[in-house]
Amino acid sequence: MSIIKIGKTKVMVKHTRSSEVVSDYKSRQKELEETNDCTVTATASAFEVSYKQAHQFLKENYGRTHRKGIPYAIKIDEQPDLELNGKKFHKVNIKSLLYPGSNRYIKEHNKQRVNCIKMPISKVQERFNKGTYLVLVKGHALAMKDGVIIDENGHMPRRKVMNLYEIK
């Protein structure tokens, strides 16, 4: 857990590196000479499988090629019933990922407090703090378990969540 500063406020961040959670992460990544593997590590973390199992699952079911990322949300939506380790993807309604915005935004642009802005990761952590989720932001995938972000690249609390899938 770490503390970061966003504007004038300090935020407590719950974050764990993928390499601490995913079995065989470092050895397999080196062995496969893999890059752009955020979908692999997020899948391995969320479904509680090894890096190799997640890599194989994405290759066989979603056409992931060596050292290339995949448009994960599109692929999941095309085949939502796939199962790994006895668990499936369950898409969270996009309306529950919207909020009225910061106090300044509400004051200047959203006086009616309409939920119209996609939530940043930090807000999703607060709202969805029970269960296991696959979190997709623009160009990146990460896992979240009981409000703790699992990602190798560090925490990005301000990035907007594009799609959220509960894993159960």
N, C-alpha and C. Protein backbone atom coordinates (compact mmCIF):
# COMPACT_ATOMS: atom_id res chain seq x y z
N MET A 1 0.85 -1.16 0.00
CA MET A 1 0.00 0.00 0.00
C MET A 1 0.90 1.23 0.00
N SER A 2 0.50 2.23 -0.79
CA SER A 2 1.30 3.44 -0.85
C SER A 2 0.39 4.67 -0.85
N ILE A 3 0.99 5.82 -0.60
CA ILE A 3 0.25 7.07 -0.61
C ILE A 3 0.75 7.89 -1.78
N ILE A 4 -0.19 8.38 -2.61
CA ILE A 4 0.18 9.24 -3.72
C ILE A 4 -0.59 10.54 -3.60
N LYS A 5 -0.07 11.57 -4.24
CA LYS A 5 -0.72 12.87 -4.18
C LYS A 5 -1.42 13.14 -5.52
N ILE A 6 -2.72 13.46 -5.44
CA ILE A 6 -3.48 13.84 -6.62
C ILE A 6 -4.01 15.24 -6.34
N GLY A 7 -3.47 16.21 -7.06
CA GLY A 7 -3.84 17.59 -6.77
C GLY A 7 -3.40 17.96 -5.37
N LYS A 8 -4.34 18.43 -4.55
CA LYS A 8 -4.02 18.83 -3.17
C LYS A 8 -4.27 17.72 -2.17
N THR A 9 -4.86 16.62 -2.63
CA THR A 9 -5.21 15.56 -1.70
C THR A 9 -4.26 14.37 -1.82
N LYS A 10 -4.09 13.70 -0.69
CA LYS A 10 -3.29 12.47 -0.68
C LYS A 10 -4.26 11.29 -0.66
N VAL A 11 -3.95 10.29 -1.46
CA VAL A 11 -4.84 9.15 -1.60
C VAL A 11 -4.09 7.88 -1.19
N MET A 12 -4.72 7.05 -0.37
CA MET A 12 -4.15 5.76 0.01
C MET A 12 -4.44 4.79 -1.13
N VAL A 13 -3.40 4.17 -1.65
CA VAL A 13 -3.53 3.29 -2.80
C VAL A 13 -3.24 1.86 -2.38
N LYS A 14 -4.17 0.97 -2.68
CA LYS A 14 -3.97 -0.44 -2.41
C LYS A 14 -3.52 -1.08 -3.71
N HIS A 15 -2.28 -1.54 -3.74
CA HIS A 15 -1.69 -2.05 -4.97
C HIS A 15 -0.72 -3.19 -4.67
N THR A 16 -0.75 -4.22 -5.51
CA THR A 16 0.20 -5.33 -5.42
C THR A 16 0.73 -5.61 -6.82
N ARG A 17 1.99 -5.95 -6.91
CA ARG A 17 2.58 -6.29 -8.21
C ARG A 17 2.13 -7.68 -8.65
N SER A 18 1.91 -7.84 -9.96
CA SER A 18 1.50 -9.13 -10.53
C SER A 18 2.52 -10.22 -10.22
N SER A 19 3.79 -9.85 -10.23
CA SER A 19 4.85 -10.83 -10.00
C SER A 19 4.77 -11.43 -8.60
N GLU A 20 4.11 -10.75 -7.66
CA GLU A 20 3.95 -11.27 -6.31
C GLU A 20 2.75 -12.21 -6.20
N VAL A 21 1.84 -12.16 -7.16
CA VAL A 21 0.60 -12.92 -7.10
C VAL A 21 0.58 -14.09 -8.08
N VAL A 22 1.06 -13.87 -9.28
CA VAL A 22 0.98 -14.88 -10.34
C VAL A 22 2.16 -15.85 -10.24
N SER A 23 1.83 -17.13 -10.11
CA SER A 23 2.90 -18.13 -10.05
C SER A 23 3.59 -18.20 -11.41
N ASP A 24 4.83 -18.43 -11.43
CA ASP A 24 5.70 -18.57 -12.61
C ASP A 24 5.73 -17.33 -13.52
N TYR A 25 5.36 -16.16 -12.99
CA TYR A 25 5.30 -14.95 -13.82
C TYR A 25 6.64 -14.60 -14.45
N LYS A 26 7.64 -14.38 -13.62
CA LYS A 26 8.94 -13.92 -14.14
C LYS A 26 9.60 -14.96 -15.04
N SER A 27 9.59 -16.23 -14.62
CA SER A 27 10.27 -17.25 -15.41
C SER A 27 9.61 -17.46 -16.77
N ARG A 28 8.29 -17.50 -16.81
CA ARG A 28 7.57 -17.70 -18.08
C ARG A 28 7.67 -16.48 -18.98
N GLN A 29 7.62 -15.31 -18.40
CA GLN A 29 7.72 -14.11 -19.21
C GLN A 29 9.08 -14.04 -19.90
N LYS A 30 10.12 -14.41 -19.15
CA LYS A 30 11.46 -14.45 -19.73
C LYS A 30 11.58 -15.55 -20.78
N GLU A 31 11.08 -16.73 -20.43
CA GLU A 31 11.15 -17.89 -21.32
C GLU A 31 10.43 -17.61 -22.65
N LEU A 32 9.29 -16.98 -22.58
CA LEU A 32 8.50 -16.69 -23.78
C LEU A 32 8.92 -15.39 -24.45
N GLU A 33 9.87 -14.67 -23.84
CA GLU A 33 10.31 -13.36 -24.32
C GLU A 33 9.09 -12.49 -24.60
N GLU A 34 8.22 -12.39 -23.61
CA GLU A 34 6.92 -11.76 -23.78
C GLU A 34 6.93 -10.29 -23.42
N THR A 35 6.21 -9.50 -24.20
CA THR A 35 5.95 -8.09 -23.91
C THR A 35 4.46 -7.85 -24.15
N ASN A 36 3.97 -6.69 -23.81
CA ASN A 36 2.55 -6.37 -23.99
C ASN A 36 1.67 -7.47 -23.41
N ASP A 37 1.99 -7.90 -22.21
CA ASP A 37 1.30 -9.05 -21.61
C ASP A 37 0.39 -8.68 -20.45
N CYS A 38 -0.11 -7.45 -20.44
CA CYS A 38 -0.99 -7.05 -19.34
C CYS A 38 -2.25 -7.90 -19.30
N THR A 39 -2.76 -8.31 -20.46
CA THR A 39 -3.96 -9.16 -20.47
C THR A 39 -3.65 -10.52 -19.87
N VAL A 40 -2.45 -11.01 -20.09
CA VAL A 40 -2.06 -12.31 -19.54
C VAL A 40 -1.95 -12.24 -18.03
N THR A 41 -1.24 -11.23 -17.52
CA THR A 41 -1.08 -11.12 -16.06
C THR A 41 -2.40 -10.79 -15.37
N ALA A 42 -3.24 -9.96 -16.00
CA ALA A 42 -4.54 -9.64 -15.41
C ALA A 42 -5.42 -10.89 -15.36
N THR A 43 -5.41 -11.68 -16.43
CA THR A 43 -6.20 -12.91 -16.47
C THR A 43 -5.69 -13.91 -15.44
N ALA A 44 -4.38 -14.07 -15.37
CA ALA A 44 -3.79 -15.00 -14.40
C ALA A 44 -4.15 -14.60 -12.97
N SER A 45 -4.08 -13.31 -12.68
CA SER A 45 -4.40 -12.82 -11.33
C SER A 45 -5.88 -12.98 -11.02
N ALA A 46 -6.74 -12.60 -11.95
CA ALA A 46 -8.19 -12.63 -11.71
C ALA A 46 -8.74 -14.05 -11.60
N PHE A 47 -8.22 -14.96 -12.43
CA PHE A 47 -8.74 -16.33 -12.44
C PHE A 47 -7.93 -17.28 -11.56
N GLU A 48 -6.89 -16.75 -10.91
CA GLU A 48 -6.04 -17.53 -10.01
C GLU A 48 -5.44 -18.75 -10.71
N VAL A 49 -4.80 -18.49 -11.84
CA VAL A 49 -4.10 -19.53 -12.58
C VAL A 49 -2.66 -19.07 -12.82
N SER A 50 -1.84 -19.96 -13.34
CA SER A 50 -0.45 -19.60 -13.62
C SER A 50 -0.36 -18.73 -14.88
N TYR A 51 0.77 -18.09 -15.05
CA TYR A 51 1.02 -17.26 -16.23
C TYR A 51 0.87 -18.09 -17.49
N LYS A 52 1.43 -19.31 -17.46
CA LYS A 52 1.39 -20.19 -18.63
C LYS A 52 -0.05 -20.55 -18.99
N GLN A 53 -0.88 -20.87 -18.00
CA GLN A 53 -2.28 -21.22 -18.26
C GLN A 53 -3.04 -20.03 -18.86
N ALA A 54 -2.83 -18.85 -18.32
CA ALA A 54 -3.51 -17.66 -18.83
C ALA A 54 -3.05 -17.35 -20.25
N HIS A 55 -1.76 -17.49 -20.50
CA HIS A 55 -1.20 -17.24 -21.83
C HIS A 55 -1.84 -18.19 -22.84
N GLN A 56 -1.91 -19.46 -22.50
CA GLN A 56 -2.50 -20.47 -23.38
C GLN A 56 -3.99 -20.21 -23.61
N PHE A 57 -4.72 -19.85 -22.56
CA PHE A 57 -6.15 -19.54 -22.65
C PHE A 57 -6.40 -18.40 -23.63
N LEU A 58 -5.63 -17.32 -23.52
CA LEU A 58 -5.80 -16.17 -24.41
C LEU A 58 -5.40 -16.50 -25.84
N LYS A 59 -4.38 -17.31 -26.00
CA LYS A 59 -3.93 -17.70 -27.34
C LYS A 59 -4.99 -18.56 -28.03
N GLU A 60 -5.52 -19.55 -27.33
CA GLU A 60 -6.49 -20.47 -27.93
C GLU A 60 -7.86 -19.84 -28.15
N ASN A 61 -8.32 -19.03 -27.22
CA ASN A 61 -9.69 -18.51 -27.28
C ASN A 61 -9.83 -17.13 -27.90
N TYR A 62 -8.82 -16.30 -27.76
CA TYR A 62 -8.92 -14.93 -28.24
C TYR A 62 -7.89 -14.58 -29.32
N GLY A 63 -7.12 -15.55 -29.74
CA GLY A 63 -6.17 -15.33 -30.83
C GLY A 63 -5.00 -14.43 -30.47
N ARG A 64 -4.60 -14.43 -29.21
CA ARG A 64 -3.46 -13.60 -28.82
C ARG A 64 -2.20 -14.14 -29.47
N THR A 65 -1.46 -13.26 -30.13
CA THR A 65 -0.21 -13.66 -30.78
C THR A 65 0.98 -13.22 -29.93
N HIS A 66 2.13 -13.80 -30.22
CA HIS A 66 3.35 -13.55 -29.46
C HIS A 66 3.70 -12.06 -29.45
N ARG A 67 3.92 -11.53 -28.23
CA ARG A 67 4.36 -10.15 -28.00
C ARG A 67 3.37 -9.09 -28.48
N LYS A 68 2.11 -9.47 -28.62
CA LYS A 68 1.09 -8.52 -29.05
C LYS A 68 -0.06 -8.51 -28.05
N GLY A 69 -0.56 -7.36 -27.75
CA GLY A 69 -1.74 -7.26 -26.91
C GLY A 69 -2.98 -7.59 -27.73
N ILE A 70 -4.12 -7.66 -27.05
CA ILE A 70 -5.38 -7.93 -27.76
C ILE A 70 -6.44 -6.93 -27.32
N PRO A 71 -7.42 -6.64 -28.19
CA PRO A 71 -8.55 -5.79 -27.77
C PRO A 71 -9.47 -6.61 -26.88
N TYR A 72 -9.13 -6.69 -25.60
CA TYR A 72 -9.74 -7.64 -24.67
C TYR A 72 -11.25 -7.48 -24.53
N ALA A 73 -11.73 -6.25 -24.39
CA ALA A 73 -13.17 -6.04 -24.19
C ALA A 73 -13.97 -6.56 -25.38
N ILE A 74 -13.50 -6.30 -26.57
CA ILE A 74 -14.19 -6.78 -27.77
C ILE A 74 -14.20 -8.30 -27.80
N LYS A 75 -13.07 -8.90 -27.50
CA LYS A 75 -12.96 -10.36 -27.51
C LYS A 75 -13.86 -11.00 -26.45
N ILE A 76 -13.88 -10.43 -25.24
CA ILE A 76 -14.72 -11.00 -24.18
C ILE A 76 -16.20 -10.89 -24.57
N ASP A 77 -16.59 -9.73 -25.10
CA ASP A 77 -17.99 -9.54 -25.48
C ASP A 77 -18.42 -10.47 -26.61
N GLU A 78 -17.47 -10.88 -27.47
CA GLU A 78 -17.79 -11.83 -28.53
C GLU A 78 -18.01 -13.23 -27.98
N GLN A 79 -17.27 -13.60 -26.94
CA GLN A 79 -17.35 -14.94 -26.34
C GLN A 79 -17.46 -14.82 -24.81
N PRO A 80 -18.59 -14.36 -24.30
CA PRO A 80 -18.68 -14.10 -22.86
C PRO A 80 -18.79 -15.35 -21.97
N ASP A 81 -19.10 -16.49 -22.55
CA ASP A 81 -19.34 -17.68 -21.73
C ASP A 81 -18.12 -18.57 -21.54
N LEU A 82 -16.96 -18.12 -21.97
CA LEU A 82 -15.77 -18.94 -21.79
C LEU A 82 -15.44 -19.05 -20.30
N GLU A 83 -14.88 -20.20 -19.94
CA GLU A 83 -14.61 -20.49 -18.54
C GLU A 83 -13.13 -20.84 -18.37
N LEU A 84 -12.56 -20.39 -17.27
CA LEU A 84 -11.18 -20.72 -16.91
C LEU A 84 -11.14 -20.96 -15.41
N ASN A 85 -10.62 -22.10 -15.02
CA ASN A 85 -10.50 -22.46 -13.60
C ASN A 85 -11.87 -22.42 -12.89
N GLY A 86 -12.93 -22.80 -13.63
CA GLY A 86 -14.27 -22.84 -13.07
C GLY A 86 -14.93 -21.48 -12.88
N LYS A 87 -14.35 -20.43 -13.46
CA LYS A 87 -14.88 -19.07 -13.31
C LYS A 87 -15.18 -18.47 -14.68
N LYS A 88 -16.11 -17.50 -14.70
CA LYS A 88 -16.49 -16.83 -15.95
C LYS A 88 -16.46 -15.32 -15.78
N PHE A 89 -16.49 -14.62 -16.94
CA PHE A 89 -16.61 -13.17 -16.99
C PHE A 89 -18.07 -12.78 -16.80
N HIS A 90 -18.33 -11.76 -16.00
CA HIS A 90 -19.67 -11.20 -15.84
C HIS A 90 -19.52 -9.69 -15.97
N LYS A 91 -19.99 -9.14 -17.10
CA LYS A 91 -19.81 -7.71 -17.36
C LYS A 91 -20.63 -6.86 -16.40
N VAL A 92 -19.99 -5.85 -15.83
CA VAL A 92 -20.66 -4.90 -14.95
C VAL A 92 -21.33 -3.85 -15.83
N ASN A 93 -22.58 -3.51 -15.52
CA ASN A 93 -23.33 -2.53 -16.30
C ASN A 93 -22.55 -1.21 -16.36
N ILE A 94 -22.40 -0.68 -17.56
CA ILE A 94 -21.61 0.54 -17.77
C ILE A 94 -22.17 1.72 -16.98
N LYS A 95 -23.48 1.74 -16.72
CA LYS A 95 -24.08 2.85 -15.97
C LYS A 95 -23.57 2.90 -14.54
N SER A 96 -23.17 1.76 -13.99
CA SER A 96 -22.65 1.76 -12.63
C SER A 96 -21.19 2.23 -12.57
N LEU A 97 -20.59 2.49 -13.74
CA LEU A 97 -19.22 3.00 -13.79
C LEU A 97 -19.18 4.50 -14.06
N LEU A 98 -20.34 5.15 -14.01
CA LEU A 98 -20.40 6.58 -14.24
C LEU A 98 -20.62 7.30 -12.91
N TYR A 99 -20.12 8.53 -12.81
CA TYR A 99 -20.34 9.35 -11.63
C TYR A 99 -20.40 10.82 -12.06
N PRO A 100 -20.87 11.72 -11.18
CA PRO A 100 -21.06 13.11 -11.61
C PRO A 100 -19.78 13.90 -11.83
N GLY A 101 -18.66 13.43 -11.37
CA GLY A 101 -17.40 14.14 -11.58
C GLY A 101 -16.90 14.77 -10.29
N SER A 102 -15.80 15.47 -10.41
CA SER A 102 -15.20 16.13 -9.24
C SER A 102 -16.07 17.32 -8.82
N ASN A 103 -15.83 17.82 -7.64
CA ASN A 103 -16.59 18.98 -7.16
C ASN A 103 -16.46 20.17 -8.11
N ARG A 104 -15.27 20.38 -8.62
CA ARG A 104 -15.05 21.50 -9.55
C ARG A 104 -15.84 21.28 -10.84
N TYR A 105 -15.81 20.05 -11.38
CA TYR A 105 -16.54 19.75 -12.61
C TYR A 105 -18.05 19.94 -12.40
N ILE A 106 -18.55 19.48 -11.26
CA ILE A 106 -19.98 19.64 -10.95
C ILE A 106 -20.34 21.12 -10.89
N LYS A 107 -19.52 21.90 -10.24
CA LYS A 107 -19.77 23.33 -10.07
C LYS A 107 -19.80 24.06 -11.42
N GLU A 108 -18.88 23.69 -12.32
CA GLU A 108 -18.75 24.40 -13.60
C GLU A 108 -19.61 23.82 -14.72
N HIS A 109 -19.79 22.50 -14.76
CA HIS A 109 -20.41 21.89 -15.94
C HIS A 109 -21.60 20.98 -15.66
N ASN A 110 -21.76 20.52 -14.45
CA ASN A 110 -22.75 19.47 -14.18
C ASN A 110 -23.56 19.80 -12.92
N LYS A 111 -24.21 20.95 -12.95
CA LYS A 111 -24.95 21.40 -11.77
C LYS A 111 -26.08 20.45 -11.37
N GLN A 112 -26.60 19.67 -12.31
CA GLN A 112 -27.67 18.71 -12.01
C GLN A 112 -27.12 17.41 -11.41
N ARG A 113 -25.82 17.28 -11.33
CA ARG A 113 -25.14 16.10 -10.78
C ARG A 113 -25.53 14.81 -11.51
N VAL A 114 -25.59 14.89 -12.81
CA VAL A 114 -25.93 13.73 -13.63
C VAL A 114 -24.70 12.82 -13.70
N ASN A 115 -24.90 11.52 -13.56
CA ASN A 115 -23.79 10.58 -13.69
C ASN A 115 -23.41 10.47 -15.17
N CYS A 116 -22.35 11.16 -15.55
CA CYS A 116 -22.00 11.23 -16.97
C CYS A 116 -20.52 11.00 -17.26
N ILE A 117 -19.71 10.86 -16.24
CA ILE A 117 -18.27 10.72 -16.44
C ILE A 117 -17.83 9.33 -16.01
N LYS A 118 -16.96 8.72 -16.81
CA LYS A 118 -16.43 7.40 -16.44
C LYS A 118 -15.57 7.53 -15.18
N MET A 119 -15.71 6.54 -14.32
CA MET A 119 -14.98 6.56 -13.05
C MET A 119 -13.50 6.29 -13.25
N PRO A 120 -12.67 6.98 -12.47
CA PRO A 120 -11.25 6.61 -12.46
C PRO A 120 -11.07 5.33 -11.63
N ILE A 121 -9.93 4.71 -11.78
CA ILE A 121 -9.65 3.46 -11.06
C ILE A 121 -9.83 3.64 -9.55
N SER A 122 -9.41 4.78 -9.02
CA SER A 122 -9.51 4.99 -7.57
C SER A 122 -10.96 4.93 -7.08
N LYS A 123 -11.90 5.47 -7.85
CA LYS A 123 -13.32 5.42 -7.48
C LYS A 123 -13.87 4.00 -7.61
N VAL A 124 -13.43 3.28 -8.63
CA VAL A 124 -13.87 1.89 -8.81
C VAL A 124 -13.37 1.04 -7.64
N GLN A 125 -12.15 1.31 -7.18
CA GLN A 125 -11.61 0.60 -6.01
C GLN A 125 -12.49 0.80 -4.80
N GLU A 126 -12.99 2.02 -4.61
CA GLU A 126 -13.85 2.31 -3.47
C GLU A 126 -15.21 1.63 -3.60
N ARG A 127 -15.81 1.71 -4.78
CA ARG A 127 -17.16 1.21 -4.98
C ARG A 127 -17.23 -0.31 -5.08
N PHE A 128 -16.26 -0.91 -5.75
CA PHE A 128 -16.26 -2.36 -5.95
C PHE A 128 -15.15 -2.99 -5.12
N ASN A 129 -15.26 -2.89 -3.81
CA ASN A 129 -14.17 -3.34 -2.93
C ASN A 129 -14.34 -4.76 -2.42
N LYS A 130 -15.32 -5.49 -2.91
CA LYS A 130 -15.51 -6.91 -2.57
C LYS A 130 -15.59 -7.70 -3.86
N GLY A 131 -14.84 -8.79 -3.93
CA GLY A 131 -14.87 -9.64 -5.12
C GLY A 131 -13.65 -9.46 -6.00
N THR A 132 -13.65 -10.19 -7.11
CA THR A 132 -12.53 -10.17 -8.06
C THR A 132 -13.02 -9.60 -9.38
N TYR A 133 -12.22 -8.69 -9.95
CA TYR A 133 -12.61 -8.00 -11.18
C TYR A 133 -11.45 -7.93 -12.16
N LEU A 134 -11.81 -7.92 -13.44
CA LEU A 134 -10.87 -7.61 -14.51
C LEU A 134 -11.20 -6.19 -14.92
N VAL A 135 -10.24 -5.28 -14.80
CA VAL A 135 -10.45 -3.86 -15.06
C VAL A 135 -9.75 -3.50 -16.36
N LEU A 136 -10.50 -2.89 -17.29
CA LEU A 136 -9.92 -2.48 -18.56
C LEU A 136 -9.96 -0.96 -18.66
N VAL A 137 -8.79 -0.38 -18.87
CA VAL A 137 -8.66 1.05 -19.15
C VAL A 137 -8.13 1.14 -20.57
N LYS A 138 -8.07 2.32 -21.13
CA LYS A 138 -7.62 2.46 -22.51
C LYS A 138 -6.21 1.90 -22.67
N GLY A 139 -6.07 0.86 -23.48
CA GLY A 139 -4.77 0.29 -23.78
C GLY A 139 -4.13 -0.56 -22.69
N HIS A 140 -4.90 -0.92 -21.64
CA HIS A 140 -4.29 -1.67 -20.55
C HIS A 140 -5.33 -2.50 -19.81
N ALA A 141 -4.90 -3.61 -19.24
CA ALA A 141 -5.78 -4.48 -18.43
C ALA A 141 -5.09 -4.75 -17.11
N LEU A 142 -5.90 -4.84 -16.04
CA LEU A 142 -5.36 -5.16 -14.73
C LEU A 142 -6.43 -5.89 -13.94
N ALA A 143 -6.03 -6.50 -12.85
CA ALA A 143 -6.96 -7.22 -11.99
C ALA A 143 -7.16 -6.45 -10.69
N MET A 144 -8.29 -6.72 -10.03
CA MET A 144 -8.57 -6.11 -8.74
C MET A 144 -9.26 -7.15 -7.86
N LYS A 145 -8.70 -7.39 -6.68
CA LYS A 145 -9.29 -8.32 -5.72
C LYS A 145 -9.56 -7.60 -4.41
N ASP A 146 -10.81 -7.60 -4.01
CA ASP A 146 -11.22 -6.95 -2.76
C ASP A 146 -10.65 -5.54 -2.62
N GLY A 147 -10.70 -4.79 -3.71
CA GLY A 147 -10.25 -3.40 -3.69
C GLY A 147 -8.76 -3.19 -3.85
N VAL A 148 -7.99 -4.26 -4.01
CA VAL A 148 -6.54 -4.15 -4.19
C VAL A 148 -6.20 -4.36 -5.67
N ILE A 149 -5.56 -3.38 -6.28
CA ILE A 149 -5.16 -3.48 -7.69
C ILE A 149 -3.97 -4.41 -7.80
N ILE A 150 -4.03 -5.32 -8.79
CA ILE A 150 -2.92 -6.23 -9.07
C ILE A 150 -2.44 -5.91 -10.47
N ASP A 151 -1.26 -5.32 -10.55
CA ASP A 151 -0.72 -4.87 -11.84
C ASP A 151 0.78 -4.70 -11.72
N GLU A 152 1.50 -5.11 -12.71
CA GLU A 152 2.96 -5.02 -12.67
C GLU A 152 3.46 -3.60 -12.93
N ASN A 153 2.69 -2.81 -13.67
CA ASN A 153 3.16 -1.49 -14.10
C ASN A 153 2.99 -0.37 -13.09
N GLY A 154 2.51 -0.65 -11.93
CA GLY A 154 2.28 0.42 -10.97
C GLY A 154 0.83 0.87 -11.03
N HIS A 155 0.47 1.73 -10.13
CA HIS A 155 -0.93 2.13 -10.00
C HIS A 155 -1.22 3.40 -10.79
N MET A 156 -2.36 3.43 -11.45
CA MET A 156 -2.77 4.58 -12.26
C MET A 156 -4.14 5.04 -11.78
N PRO A 157 -4.25 5.70 -10.64
CA PRO A 157 -5.56 5.99 -10.03
C PRO A 157 -6.47 6.90 -10.83
N ARG A 158 -5.92 7.71 -11.73
CA ARG A 158 -6.74 8.66 -12.47
C ARG A 158 -7.23 8.14 -13.81
N ARG A 159 -6.71 7.01 -14.27
CA ARG A 159 -7.14 6.48 -15.57
C ARG A 159 -8.59 6.05 -15.49
N LYS A 160 -9.34 6.35 -16.54
CA LYS A 160 -10.77 6.06 -16.58
C LYS A 160 -11.00 4.60 -16.96
N VAL A 161 -11.91 3.97 -16.23
CA VAL A 161 -12.25 2.57 -16.48
C VAL A 161 -13.21 2.49 -17.66
N MET A 162 -12.82 1.74 -18.67
CA MET A 162 -13.64 1.58 -19.88
C MET A 162 -14.63 0.42 -19.73
N ASN A 163 -14.15 -0.69 -19.18
CA ASN A 163 -14.98 -1.88 -18.95
C ASN A 163 -14.55 -2.55 -17.66
N LEU A 164 -15.51 -3.20 -17.03
CA LEU A 164 -15.25 -3.90 -15.78
C LEU A 164 -15.99 -5.22 -15.83
N TYR A 165 -15.27 -6.31 -15.53
CA TYR A 165 -15.85 -7.64 -15.53
C TYR A 165 -15.65 -8.27 -14.16
N GLU A 166 -16.73 -8.74 -13.57
CA GLU A 166 -16.60 -9.48 -12.32
C GLU A 166 -16.26 -10.93 -12.69
N ILE A 167 -15.34 -11.52 -11.96
CA ILE A 167 -14.91 -12.89 -12.20
C ILE A 167 -15.48 -13.75 -11.09
N LYS A 168 -16.39 -14.68 -11.48
CA LYS A 168 -16.95 -15.59 -10.49
C LYS A 168 -17.47 -16.85 -11.16
